[in-house]
């Protein structure tokens, strides 16, 4: 399951609707350093 977004509002709505922990990734290249996971690097949905 995934969603791709270019507005903060739409992404926030997806996170709320999904209701479980998510992984947040920039669409482009970050040298393996852009991925953040709720429960590891991110505390919660907010």
ModelCIF file with pLDDT and N, C-alpha, C, O atoms, coordinates in Angstrom:
data_MODEL
#
_entry.id   MODEL 
#
_entity.id                         1 
_entity.type                       polymer 
_entity.pdbx_number_of_molecules   1 
#
_entity_poly.entity_id                      1 
_entity_poly.type                           'polypeptide(L)' 
_entity_poly.nstd_linkage                   no 
_entity_poly.nstd_monomer                   no 
_entity_poly.pdbx_seq_one_letter_code       
;(UNK)(UNK)(UNK)(UNK)(UNK)(UNK)(UNK)(UNK)(UNK)(UNK)(UNK)(UNK)(UNK)(UNK)(UNK)(UNK)
(UNK)(UNK)(UNK)(UNK)(UNK)(UNK)(UNK)(UNK)(UNK)(UNK)(UNK)(UNK)(UNK)(UNK)(UNK)(UNK)
(UNK)(UNK)(UNK)(UNK)(UNK)(UNK)(UNK)(UNK)(UNK)(UNK)(UNK)(UNK)(UNK)(UNK)
;
_entity_poly.pdbx_seq_one_letter_code_can   XXXXXXXXXXXXXXXXXXXXXXXXXXXXXXXXXXXXXXXXXXXXXX 
_entity_poly.pdbx_strand_id                 A 
#
loop_
_entity_poly_seq.entity_id 
_entity_poly_seq.num 
_entity_poly_seq.mon_id 
_entity_poly_seq.hetero 
1 1  UNK n 
1 2  UNK n 
1 3  UNK n 
1 4  UNK n 
1 5  UNK n 
1 6  UNK n 
1 7  UNK n 
1 8  UNK n 
1 9  UNK n 
1 10 UNK n 
1 11 UNK n 
1 12 UNK n 
1 13 UNK n 
1 14 UNK n 
1 15 UNK n 
1 16 UNK n 
1 17 UNK n 
1 18 UNK n 
1 19 UNK n 
1 20 UNK n 
1 21 UNK n 
1 22 UNK n 
1 23 UNK n 
1 24 UNK n 
1 25 UNK n 
1 26 UNK n 
1 27 UNK n 
1 28 UNK n 
1 29 UNK n 
1 30 UNK n 
1 31 UNK n 
1 32 UNK n 
1 33 UNK n 
1 34 UNK n 
1 35 UNK n 
1 36 UNK n 
1 37 UNK n 
1 38 UNK n 
1 39 UNK n 
1 40 UNK n 
1 41 UNK n 
1 42 UNK n 
1 43 UNK n 
1 44 UNK n 
1 45 UNK n 
1 46 UNK n 
#
_struct_asym.id          A 
_struct_asym.entity_id   1 
#
loop_
_ma_qa_metric.id 
_ma_qa_metric.mode 
_ma_qa_metric.name 
_ma_qa_metric.software_group_id 
_ma_qa_metric.type 
1 global pLDDT . pLDDT 
2 local  pLDDT . pLDDT 
#
_ma_qa_metric_global.metric_id      1 
_ma_qa_metric_global.metric_value   89.74 
_ma_qa_metric_global.model_id       1 
_ma_qa_metric_global.ordinal_id     1 
#
loop_
_ma_qa_metric_local.label_asym_id 
_ma_qa_metric_local.label_comp_id 
_ma_qa_metric_local.label_seq_id 
_ma_qa_metric_local.metric_id 
_ma_qa_metric_local.metric_value 
_ma_qa_metric_local.model_id 
_ma_qa_metric_local.ordinal_id 
A UNK 1  2 91.00 1 1  
A UNK 2  2 91.00 1 2  
A UNK 3  2 91.00 1 3  
A UNK 4  2 91.00 1 4  
A UNK 5  2 93.00 1 5  
A UNK 6  2 92.00 1 6  
A UNK 7  2 94.00 1 7  
A UNK 8  2 92.00 1 8  
A UNK 9  2 95.00 1 9  
A UNK 10 2 94.00 1 10 
A UNK 11 2 93.00 1 11 
A UNK 12 2 94.00 1 12 
A UNK 13 2 95.00 1 13 
A UNK 14 2 95.00 1 14 
A UNK 15 2 93.00 1 15 
A UNK 16 2 93.00 1 16 
A UNK 17 2 94.00 1 17 
A UNK 18 2 92.00 1 18 
A UNK 19 2 90.00 1 19 
A UNK 20 2 91.00 1 20 
A UNK 21 2 93.00 1 21 
A UNK 22 2 94.00 1 22 
A UNK 23 2 92.00 1 23 
A UNK 24 2 93.00 1 24 
A UNK 25 2 91.00 1 25 
A UNK 26 2 92.00 1 26 
A UNK 27 2 88.00 1 27 
A UNK 28 2 87.00 1 28 
A UNK 29 2 87.00 1 29 
A UNK 30 2 81.00 1 30 
A UNK 31 2 75.00 1 31 
A UNK 32 2 71.00 1 32 
A UNK 33 2 75.00 1 33 
A UNK 34 2 86.00 1 34 
A UNK 35 2 87.00 1 35 
A UNK 36 2 90.00 1 36 
A UNK 37 2 90.00 1 37 
A UNK 38 2 90.00 1 38 
A UNK 39 2 89.00 1 39 
A UNK 40 2 85.00 1 40 
A UNK 41 2 83.00 1 41 
A UNK 42 2 90.00 1 42 
A UNK 43 2 90.00 1 43 
A UNK 44 2 91.00 1 44 
A UNK 45 2 92.00 1 45 
A UNK 46 2 92.00 1 46 
#
loop_
_atom_site.group_PDB 
_atom_site.id 
_atom_site.type_symbol 
_atom_site.label_atom_id 
_atom_site.label_alt_id 
_atom_site.label_comp_id 
_atom_site.label_asym_id 
_atom_site.label_entity_id 
_atom_site.label_seq_id 
_atom_site.pdbx_PDB_ins_code 
_atom_site.Cartn_x 
_atom_site.Cartn_y 
_atom_site.Cartn_z 
_atom_site.occupancy 
_atom_site.B_iso_or_equiv 
_atom_site.pdbx_formal_charge 
_atom_site.auth_seq_id 
_atom_site.auth_comp_id 
_atom_site.auth_asym_id 
_atom_site.auth_atom_id 
_atom_site.pdbx_PDB_model_num 
ATOM 1   N N  . UNK A 1 1  ? 0.839  -1.197 0.000  1.00 91.00 ? 1  UNK A N  1 
ATOM 2   C CA . UNK A 1 1  ? 0.000  0.000  0.000  1.00 91.00 ? 1  UNK A CA 1 
ATOM 3   C C  . UNK A 1 1  ? 0.875  1.248  0.000  1.00 91.00 ? 1  UNK A C  1 
ATOM 4   O O  . UNK A 1 1  ? 1.879  1.317  0.708  1.00 91.00 ? 1  UNK A O  1 
ATOM 5   N N  . UNK A 1 2  ? 0.476  2.238  -0.810 1.00 91.00 ? 2  UNK A N  1 
ATOM 6   C CA . UNK A 1 2  ? 1.278  3.460  -0.902 1.00 91.00 ? 2  UNK A CA 1 
ATOM 7   C C  . UNK A 1 2  ? 0.405  4.614  -1.391 1.00 91.00 ? 2  UNK A C  1 
ATOM 8   O O  . UNK A 1 2  ? -0.731 4.426  -1.826 1.00 91.00 ? 2  UNK A O  1 
ATOM 9   N N  . UNK A 1 3  ? 0.976  5.806  -1.305 1.00 91.00 ? 3  UNK A N  1 
ATOM 10  C CA . UNK A 1 3  ? 0.393  6.992  -1.919 1.00 91.00 ? 3  UNK A CA 1 
ATOM 11  C C  . UNK A 1 3  ? 1.511  7.937  -2.317 1.00 91.00 ? 3  UNK A C  1 
ATOM 12  O O  . UNK A 1 3  ? 2.525  8.027  -1.625 1.00 91.00 ? 3  UNK A O  1 
ATOM 13  N N  . UNK A 1 4  ? 1.334  8.653  -3.443 1.00 91.00 ? 4  UNK A N  1 
ATOM 14  C CA . UNK A 1 4  ? 2.317  9.638  -3.909 1.00 91.00 ? 4  UNK A CA 1 
ATOM 15  C C  . UNK A 1 4  ? 1.649  11.011 -3.919 1.00 91.00 ? 4  UNK A C  1 
ATOM 16  O O  . UNK A 1 4  ? 0.541  11.165 -4.434 1.00 91.00 ? 4  UNK A O  1 
ATOM 17  N N  . UNK A 1 5  ? 2.326  12.006 -3.349 1.00 93.00 ? 5  UNK A N  1 
ATOM 18  C CA . UNK A 1 5  ? 1.680  13.307 -3.138 1.00 93.00 ? 5  UNK A CA 1 
ATOM 19  C C  . UNK A 1 5  ? 2.650  14.452 -3.406 1.00 93.00 ? 5  UNK A C  1 
ATOM 20  O O  . UNK A 1 5  ? 3.860  14.334 -3.215 1.00 93.00 ? 5  UNK A O  1 
ATOM 21  N N  . UNK A 1 6  ? 2.062  15.584 -3.864 1.00 92.00 ? 6  UNK A N  1 
ATOM 22  C CA . UNK A 1 6  ? 2.869  16.795 -4.009 1.00 92.00 ? 6  UNK A CA 1 
ATOM 23  C C  . UNK A 1 6  ? 2.297  17.951 -3.201 1.00 92.00 ? 6  UNK A C  1 
ATOM 24  O O  . UNK A 1 6  ? 2.713  19.096 -3.372 1.00 92.00 ? 6  UNK A O  1 
ATOM 25  N N  . UNK A 1 7  ? 1.343  17.654 -2.321 1.00 94.00 ? 7  UNK A N  1 
ATOM 26  C CA . UNK A 1 7  ? 0.880  18.667 -1.366 1.00 94.00 ? 7  UNK A CA 1 
ATOM 27  C C  . UNK A 1 7  ? 0.891  18.068 0.029  1.00 94.00 ? 7  UNK A C  1 
ATOM 28  O O  . UNK A 1 7  ? 0.625  16.881 0.218  1.00 94.00 ? 7  UNK A O  1 
ATOM 29  N N  . UNK A 1 8  ? 1.205  18.911 0.996  1.00 92.00 ? 8  UNK A N  1 
ATOM 30  C CA . UNK A 1 8  ? 1.252  18.469 2.400  1.00 92.00 ? 8  UNK A CA 1 
ATOM 31  C C  . UNK A 1 8  ? -0.136 18.028 2.858  1.00 92.00 ? 8  UNK A C  1 
ATOM 32  O O  . UNK A 1 8  ? -0.271 17.059 3.606  1.00 92.00 ? 8  UNK A O  1 
ATOM 33  N N  . UNK A 1 9  ? -1.154 18.736 2.409  1.00 95.00 ? 9  UNK A N  1 
ATOM 34  C CA . UNK A 1 9  ? -2.518 18.444 2.856  1.00 95.00 ? 9  UNK A CA 1 
ATOM 35  C C  . UNK A 1 9  ? -2.969 17.050 2.424  1.00 95.00 ? 9  UNK A C  1 
ATOM 36  O O  . UNK A 1 9  ? -3.525 16.296 3.223  1.00 95.00 ? 9  UNK A O  1 
ATOM 37  N N  . UNK A 1 10 ? -2.727 16.713 1.158  1.00 94.00 ? 10 UNK A N  1 
ATOM 38  C CA . UNK A 1 10 ? -3.135 15.398 0.665  1.00 94.00 ? 10 UNK A CA 1 
ATOM 39  C C  . UNK A 1 10 ? -2.364 14.282 1.358  1.00 94.00 ? 10 UNK A C  1 
ATOM 40  O O  . UNK A 1 10 ? -2.926 13.237 1.684  1.00 94.00 ? 10 UNK A O  1 
ATOM 41  N N  . UNK A 1 11 ? -1.083 14.509 1.577  1.00 93.00 ? 11 UNK A N  1 
ATOM 42  C CA . UNK A 1 11 ? -0.267 13.502 2.257  1.00 93.00 ? 11 UNK A CA 1 
ATOM 43  C C  . UNK A 1 11 ? -0.738 13.296 3.691  1.00 93.00 ? 11 UNK A C  1 
ATOM 44  O O  . UNK A 1 11 ? -0.828 12.168 4.174  1.00 93.00 ? 11 UNK A O  1 
ATOM 45  N N  . UNK A 1 12 ? -1.037 14.410 4.367  1.00 94.00 ? 12 UNK A N  1 
ATOM 46  C CA . UNK A 1 12 ? -1.516 14.326 5.756  1.00 94.00 ? 12 UNK A CA 1 
ATOM 47  C C  . UNK A 1 12 ? -2.839 13.570 5.827  1.00 94.00 ? 12 UNK A C  1 
ATOM 48  O O  . UNK A 1 12 ? -3.063 12.792 6.755  1.00 94.00 ? 12 UNK A O  1 
ATOM 49  N N  . UNK A 1 13 ? -3.708 13.797 4.854  1.00 95.00 ? 13 UNK A N  1 
ATOM 50  C CA . UNK A 1 13 ? -4.994 13.105 4.822  1.00 95.00 ? 13 UNK A CA 1 
ATOM 51  C C  . UNK A 1 13 ? -4.784 11.593 4.644  1.00 95.00 ? 13 UNK A C  1 
ATOM 52  O O  . UNK A 1 13 ? -5.469 10.786 5.273  1.00 95.00 ? 13 UNK A O  1 
ATOM 53  N N  . UNK A 1 14 ? -3.839 11.224 3.789  1.00 95.00 ? 14 UNK A N  1 
ATOM 54  C CA . UNK A 1 14 ? -3.531 9.803  3.571  1.00 95.00 ? 14 UNK A CA 1 
ATOM 55  C C  . UNK A 1 14 ? -3.035 9.166  4.864  1.00 95.00 ? 14 UNK A C  1 
ATOM 56  O O  . UNK A 1 14 ? -3.458 8.067  5.224  1.00 95.00 ? 14 UNK A O  1 
ATOM 57  N N  . UNK A 1 15 ? -2.135 9.862  5.563  1.00 93.00 ? 15 UNK A N  1 
ATOM 58  C CA . UNK A 1 15 ? -1.593 9.334  6.823  1.00 93.00 ? 15 UNK A CA 1 
ATOM 59  C C  . UNK A 1 15 ? -2.704 9.119  7.835  1.00 93.00 ? 15 UNK A C  1 
ATOM 60  O O  . UNK A 1 15 ? -2.741 8.094  8.517  1.00 93.00 ? 15 UNK A O  1 
ATOM 61  N N  . UNK A 1 16 ? -3.616 10.091 7.935  1.00 93.00 ? 16 UNK A N  1 
ATOM 62  C CA . UNK A 1 16 ? -4.741 9.962  8.885  1.00 93.00 ? 16 UNK A CA 1 
ATOM 63  C C  . UNK A 1 16 ? -5.670 8.816  8.494  1.00 93.00 ? 16 UNK A C  1 
ATOM 64  O O  . UNK A 1 16 ? -6.089 8.029  9.343  1.00 93.00 ? 16 UNK A O  1 
ATOM 65  N N  . UNK A 1 17 ? -5.984 8.730  7.215  1.00 94.00 ? 17 UNK A N  1 
ATOM 66  C CA . UNK A 1 17 ? -6.907 7.690  6.757  1.00 94.00 ? 17 UNK A CA 1 
ATOM 67  C C  . UNK A 1 17 ? -6.293 6.299  6.876  1.00 94.00 ? 17 UNK A C  1 
ATOM 68  O O  . UNK A 1 17 ? -6.993 5.334  7.181  1.00 94.00 ? 17 UNK A O  1 
ATOM 69  N N  . UNK A 1 18 ? -5.002 6.196  6.640  1.00 92.00 ? 18 UNK A N  1 
ATOM 70  C CA . UNK A 1 18 ? -4.343 4.891  6.680  1.00 92.00 ? 18 UNK A CA 1 
ATOM 71  C C  . UNK A 1 18 ? -4.360 4.328  8.097  1.00 92.00 ? 18 UNK A C  1 
ATOM 72  O O  . UNK A 1 18 ? -4.625 3.143  8.300  1.00 92.00 ? 18 UNK A O  1 
ATOM 73  N N  . UNK A 1 19 ? -4.075 5.185  9.072  1.00 90.00 ? 19 UNK A N  1 
ATOM 74  C CA . UNK A 1 19 ? -4.254 4.809  10.466 1.00 90.00 ? 19 UNK A CA 1 
ATOM 75  C C  . UNK A 1 19 ? -3.221 3.865  11.049 1.00 90.00 ? 19 UNK A C  1 
ATOM 76  O O  . UNK A 1 19 ? -3.363 3.440  12.196 1.00 90.00 ? 19 UNK A O  1 
ATOM 77  N N  . UNK A 1 20 ? -2.186 3.524  10.297 1.00 91.00 ? 20 UNK A N  1 
ATOM 78  C CA . UNK A 1 20 ? -1.116 2.660  10.802 1.00 91.00 ? 20 UNK A CA 1 
ATOM 79  C C  . UNK A 1 20 ? 0.228  3.336  10.546 1.00 91.00 ? 20 UNK A C  1 
ATOM 80  O O  . UNK A 1 20 ? 0.302  4.360  9.867  1.00 91.00 ? 20 UNK A O  1 
ATOM 81  N N  . UNK A 1 21 ? 1.290  2.747  11.100 1.00 93.00 ? 21 UNK A N  1 
ATOM 82  C CA . UNK A 1 21 ? 2.617  3.315  10.907 1.00 93.00 ? 21 UNK A CA 1 
ATOM 83  C C  . UNK A 1 21 ? 2.987  3.320  9.419  1.00 93.00 ? 21 UNK A C  1 
ATOM 84  O O  . UNK A 1 21 ? 2.649  2.402  8.671  1.00 93.00 ? 21 UNK A O  1 
ATOM 85  N N  . UNK A 1 22 ? 3.687  4.375  9.019  1.00 94.00 ? 22 UNK A N  1 
ATOM 86  C CA . UNK A 1 22 ? 4.055  4.529  7.614  1.00 94.00 ? 22 UNK A CA 1 
ATOM 87  C C  . UNK A 1 22 ? 5.548  4.789  7.466  1.00 94.00 ? 22 UNK A C  1 
ATOM 88  O O  . UNK A 1 22 ? 6.254  5.067  8.436  1.00 94.00 ? 22 UNK A O  1 
ATOM 89  N N  . UNK A 1 23 ? 6.006  4.690  6.221  1.00 92.00 ? 23 UNK A N  1 
ATOM 90  C CA . UNK A 1 23 ? 7.363  5.058  5.833  1.00 92.00 ? 23 UNK A CA 1 
ATOM 91  C C  . UNK A 1 23 ? 7.254  6.268  4.909  1.00 92.00 ? 23 UNK A C  1 
ATOM 92  O O  . UNK A 1 23 ? 6.448  6.264  3.978  1.00 92.00 ? 23 UNK A O  1 
ATOM 93  N N  . UNK A 1 24 ? 8.053  7.298  5.157  1.00 93.00 ? 24 UNK A N  1 
ATOM 94  C CA . UNK A 1 24 ? 8.021  8.521  4.355  1.00 93.00 ? 24 UNK A CA 1 
ATOM 95  C C  . UNK A 1 24 ? 9.311  8.615  3.542  1.00 93.00 ? 24 UNK A C  1 
ATOM 96  O O  . UNK A 1 24 ? 10.411 8.544  4.090  1.00 93.00 ? 24 UNK A O  1 
ATOM 97  N N  . UNK A 1 25 ? 9.157  8.777  2.213  1.00 91.00 ? 25 UNK A N  1 
ATOM 98  C CA . UNK A 1 25 ? 10.312 8.809  1.320  1.00 91.00 ? 25 UNK A CA 1 
ATOM 99  C C  . UNK A 1 25 ? 10.202 9.988  0.361  1.00 91.00 ? 25 UNK A C  1 
ATOM 100 O O  . UNK A 1 25 ? 9.138  10.214 -0.215 1.00 91.00 ? 25 UNK A O  1 
ATOM 101 N N  . UNK A 1 26 ? 11.284 10.743 0.180  1.00 92.00 ? 26 UNK A N  1 
ATOM 102 C CA . UNK A 1 26 ? 11.309 11.668 -0.955 1.00 92.00 ? 26 UNK A CA 1 
ATOM 103 C C  . UNK A 1 26 ? 11.202 10.878 -2.252 1.00 92.00 ? 26 UNK A C  1 
ATOM 104 O O  . UNK A 1 26 ? 11.697 9.754  -2.333 1.00 92.00 ? 26 UNK A O  1 
ATOM 105 N N  . UNK A 1 27 ? 10.565 11.449 -3.264 1.00 88.00 ? 27 UNK A N  1 
ATOM 106 C CA . UNK A 1 27 ? 10.406 10.752 -4.539 1.00 88.00 ? 27 UNK A CA 1 
ATOM 107 C C  . UNK A 1 27 ? 11.748 10.533 -5.230 1.00 88.00 ? 27 UNK A C  1 
ATOM 108 O O  . UNK A 1 27 ? 11.964 9.498  -5.861 1.00 88.00 ? 27 UNK A O  1 
ATOM 109 N N  . UNK A 1 28 ? 12.650 11.509 -5.109 1.00 87.00 ? 28 UNK A N  1 
ATOM 110 C CA . UNK A 1 28 ? 13.921 11.446 -5.833 1.00 87.00 ? 28 UNK A CA 1 
ATOM 111 C C  . UNK A 1 28 ? 15.052 10.830 -5.042 1.00 87.00 ? 28 UNK A C  1 
ATOM 112 O O  . UNK A 1 28 ? 14.834 10.208 -4.003 1.00 87.00 ? 28 UNK A O  1 
ATOM 113 N N  . UNK A 1 29 ? 16.274 11.010 -5.548 1.00 87.00 ? 29 UNK A N  1 
ATOM 114 C CA . UNK A 1 29 ? 17.459 10.382 -4.976 1.00 87.00 ? 29 UNK A CA 1 
ATOM 115 C C  . UNK A 1 29 ? 17.963 11.130 -3.752 1.00 87.00 ? 29 UNK A C  1 
ATOM 116 O O  . UNK A 1 29 ? 18.022 12.360 -3.739 1.00 87.00 ? 29 UNK A O  1 
ATOM 117 N N  . UNK A 1 30 ? 18.327 10.366 -2.718 1.00 81.00 ? 30 UNK A N  1 
ATOM 118 C CA . UNK A 1 30 ? 18.868 10.983 -1.498 1.00 81.00 ? 30 UNK A CA 1 
ATOM 119 C C  . UNK A 1 30 ? 20.089 10.237 -0.976 1.00 81.00 ? 30 UNK A C  1 
ATOM 120 O O  . UNK A 1 30 ? 20.481 10.427 0.175  1.00 81.00 ? 30 UNK A O  1 
ATOM 121 N N  . UNK A 1 31 ? 20.693 9.395  -1.802 1.00 75.00 ? 31 UNK A N  1 
ATOM 122 C CA . UNK A 1 31 ? 21.891 8.665  -1.378 1.00 75.00 ? 31 UNK A CA 1 
ATOM 123 C C  . UNK A 1 31 ? 21.648 7.707  -0.234 1.00 75.00 ? 31 UNK A C  1 
ATOM 124 O O  . UNK A 1 31 ? 22.546 7.449  0.567  1.00 75.00 ? 31 UNK A O  1 
ATOM 125 N N  . UNK A 1 32 ? 20.436 7.176  -0.150 1.00 71.00 ? 32 UNK A N  1 
ATOM 126 C CA . UNK A 1 32 ? 20.120 6.205  0.892  1.00 71.00 ? 32 UNK A CA 1 
ATOM 127 C C  . UNK A 1 32 ? 19.860 6.809  2.256  1.00 71.00 ? 32 UNK A C  1 
ATOM 128 O O  . UNK A 1 32 ? 19.787 6.090  3.252  1.00 71.00 ? 32 UNK A O  1 
ATOM 129 N N  . UNK A 1 33 ? 19.716 8.151  2.312  1.00 75.00 ? 33 UNK A N  1 
ATOM 130 C CA . UNK A 1 33 ? 19.598 8.808  3.611  1.00 75.00 ? 33 UNK A CA 1 
ATOM 131 C C  . UNK A 1 33 ? 18.289 9.575  3.791  1.00 75.00 ? 33 UNK A C  1 
ATOM 132 O O  . UNK A 1 33 ? 18.155 10.339 4.747  1.00 75.00 ? 33 UNK A O  1 
ATOM 133 N N  . UNK A 1 34 ? 17.311 9.385  2.882  1.00 86.00 ? 34 UNK A N  1 
ATOM 134 C CA . UNK A 1 34 ? 16.092 10.187 2.978  1.00 86.00 ? 34 UNK A CA 1 
ATOM 135 C C  . UNK A 1 34 ? 14.905 9.478  3.581  1.00 86.00 ? 34 UNK A C  1 
ATOM 136 O O  . UNK A 1 34 ? 13.891 10.119 3.856  1.00 86.00 ? 34 UNK A O  1 
ATOM 137 N N  . UNK A 1 35 ? 14.993 8.170  3.799  1.00 87.00 ? 35 UNK A N  1 
ATOM 138 C CA . UNK A 1 35 ? 13.852 7.385  4.271  1.00 87.00 ? 35 UNK A CA 1 
ATOM 139 C C  . UNK A 1 35 ? 13.724 7.508  5.785  1.00 87.00 ? 35 UNK A C  1 
ATOM 140 O O  . UNK A 1 35 ? 14.702 7.360  6.517  1.00 87.00 ? 35 UNK A O  1 
ATOM 141 N N  . UNK A 1 36 ? 12.492 7.784  6.249  1.00 90.00 ? 36 UNK A N  1 
ATOM 142 C CA . UNK A 1 36 ? 12.233 7.823  7.693  1.00 90.00 ? 36 UNK A CA 1 
ATOM 143 C C  . UNK A 1 36 ? 10.980 7.020  8.004  1.00 90.00 ? 36 UNK A C  1 
ATOM 144 O O  . UNK A 1 36 ? 9.989  7.070  7.276  1.00 90.00 ? 36 UNK A O  1 
ATOM 145 N N  . UNK A 1 37 ? 11.048 6.276  9.106  1.00 90.00 ? 37 UNK A N  1 
ATOM 146 C CA . UNK A 1 37 ? 10.017 5.307  9.453  1.00 90.00 ? 37 UNK A CA 1 
ATOM 147 C C  . UNK A 1 37 ? 9.375  5.694  10.773 1.00 90.00 ? 37 UNK A C  1 
ATOM 148 O O  . UNK A 1 37 ? 10.068 5.985  11.748 1.00 90.00 ? 37 UNK A O  1 
ATOM 149 N N  . UNK A 1 38 ? 8.033  5.696  10.801 1.00 90.00 ? 38 UNK A N  1 
ATOM 150 C CA . UNK A 1 38 ? 7.322  5.919  12.059 1.00 90.00 ? 38 UNK A CA 1 
ATOM 151 C C  . UNK A 1 38 ? 7.596  4.730  12.979 1.00 90.00 ? 38 UNK A C  1 
ATOM 152 O O  . UNK A 1 38 ? 7.440  3.573  12.589 1.00 90.00 ? 38 UNK A O  1 
ATOM 153 N N  . UNK A 1 39 ? 8.008  5.040  14.206 1.00 89.00 ? 39 UNK A N  1 
ATOM 154 C CA . UNK A 1 39 ? 8.372  3.987  15.145 1.00 89.00 ? 39 UNK A CA 1 
ATOM 155 C C  . UNK A 1 39 ? 9.871  3.805  15.256 1.00 89.00 ? 39 UNK A C  1 
ATOM 156 O O  . UNK A 1 39 ? 10.359 3.144  16.172 1.00 89.00 ? 39 UNK A O  1 
ATOM 157 N N  . UNK A 1 40 ? 10.606 4.398  14.311 1.00 85.00 ? 40 UNK A N  1 
ATOM 158 C CA . UNK A 1 40 ? 12.078 4.368  14.379 1.00 85.00 ? 40 UNK A CA 1 
ATOM 159 C C  . UNK A 1 40 ? 12.635 5.789  14.408 1.00 85.00 ? 40 UNK A C  1 
ATOM 160 O O  . UNK A 1 40 ? 13.172 6.240  15.420 1.00 85.00 ? 40 UNK A O  1 
ATOM 161 N N  . UNK A 1 41 ? 12.494 6.495  13.263 1.00 83.00 ? 41 UNK A N  1 
ATOM 162 C CA . UNK A 1 41 ? 13.049 7.850  13.167 1.00 83.00 ? 41 UNK A CA 1 
ATOM 163 C C  . UNK A 1 41 ? 11.987 8.908  13.406 1.00 83.00 ? 41 UNK A C  1 
ATOM 164 O O  . UNK A 1 41 ? 12.307 10.055 13.719 1.00 83.00 ? 41 UNK A O  1 
ATOM 165 N N  . UNK A 1 42 ? 10.733 8.531  13.260 1.00 90.00 ? 42 UNK A N  1 
ATOM 166 C CA . UNK A 1 42 ? 9.611  9.446  13.464 1.00 90.00 ? 42 UNK A CA 1 
ATOM 167 C C  . UNK A 1 42 ? 8.748  8.900  14.600 1.00 90.00 ? 42 UNK A C  1 
ATOM 168 O O  . UNK A 1 42 ? 8.458  7.705  14.652 1.00 90.00 ? 42 UNK A O  1 
ATOM 169 N N  . UNK A 1 43 ? 8.346  9.778  15.499 1.00 90.00 ? 43 UNK A N  1 
ATOM 170 C CA . UNK A 1 43 ? 7.644  9.313  16.696 1.00 90.00 ? 43 UNK A CA 1 
ATOM 171 C C  . UNK A 1 43 ? 6.227  8.842  16.399 1.00 90.00 ? 43 UNK A C  1 
ATOM 172 O O  . UNK A 1 43 ? 5.788  7.803  16.891 1.00 90.00 ? 43 UNK A O  1 
ATOM 173 N N  . UNK A 1 44 ? 5.514  9.627  15.580 1.00 91.00 ? 44 UNK A N  1 
ATOM 174 C CA . UNK A 1 44 ? 4.099  9.323  15.371 1.00 91.00 ? 44 UNK A CA 1 
ATOM 175 C C  . UNK A 1 44 ? 3.640  9.946  14.053 1.00 91.00 ? 44 UNK A C  1 
ATOM 176 O O  . UNK A 1 44 ? 4.449  10.449 13.273 1.00 91.00 ? 44 UNK A O  1 
ATOM 177 N N  . UNK A 1 45 ? 2.336  9.904  13.821 1.00 92.00 ? 45 UNK A N  1 
ATOM 178 C CA . UNK A 1 45 ? 1.779  10.438 12.576 1.00 92.00 ? 45 UNK A CA 1 
ATOM 179 C C  . UNK A 1 45 ? 2.065  11.928 12.413 1.00 92.00 ? 45 UNK A C  1 
ATOM 180 O O  . UNK A 1 45 ? 2.341  12.388 11.305 1.00 92.00 ? 45 UNK A O  1 
ATOM 181 N N  . UNK A 1 46 ? 2.001  12.681 13.507 1.00 92.00 ? 46 UNK A N  1 
ATOM 182 C CA . UNK A 1 46 ? 2.274  14.124 13.414 1.00 92.00 ? 46 UNK A CA 1 
ATOM 183 C C  . UNK A 1 46 ? 3.717  14.392 13.013 1.00 92.00 ? 46 UNK A C  1 
ATOM 184 O O  . UNK A 1 46 ? 4.119  15.548 12.888 1.00 92.00 ? 46 UNK A O  1 
#
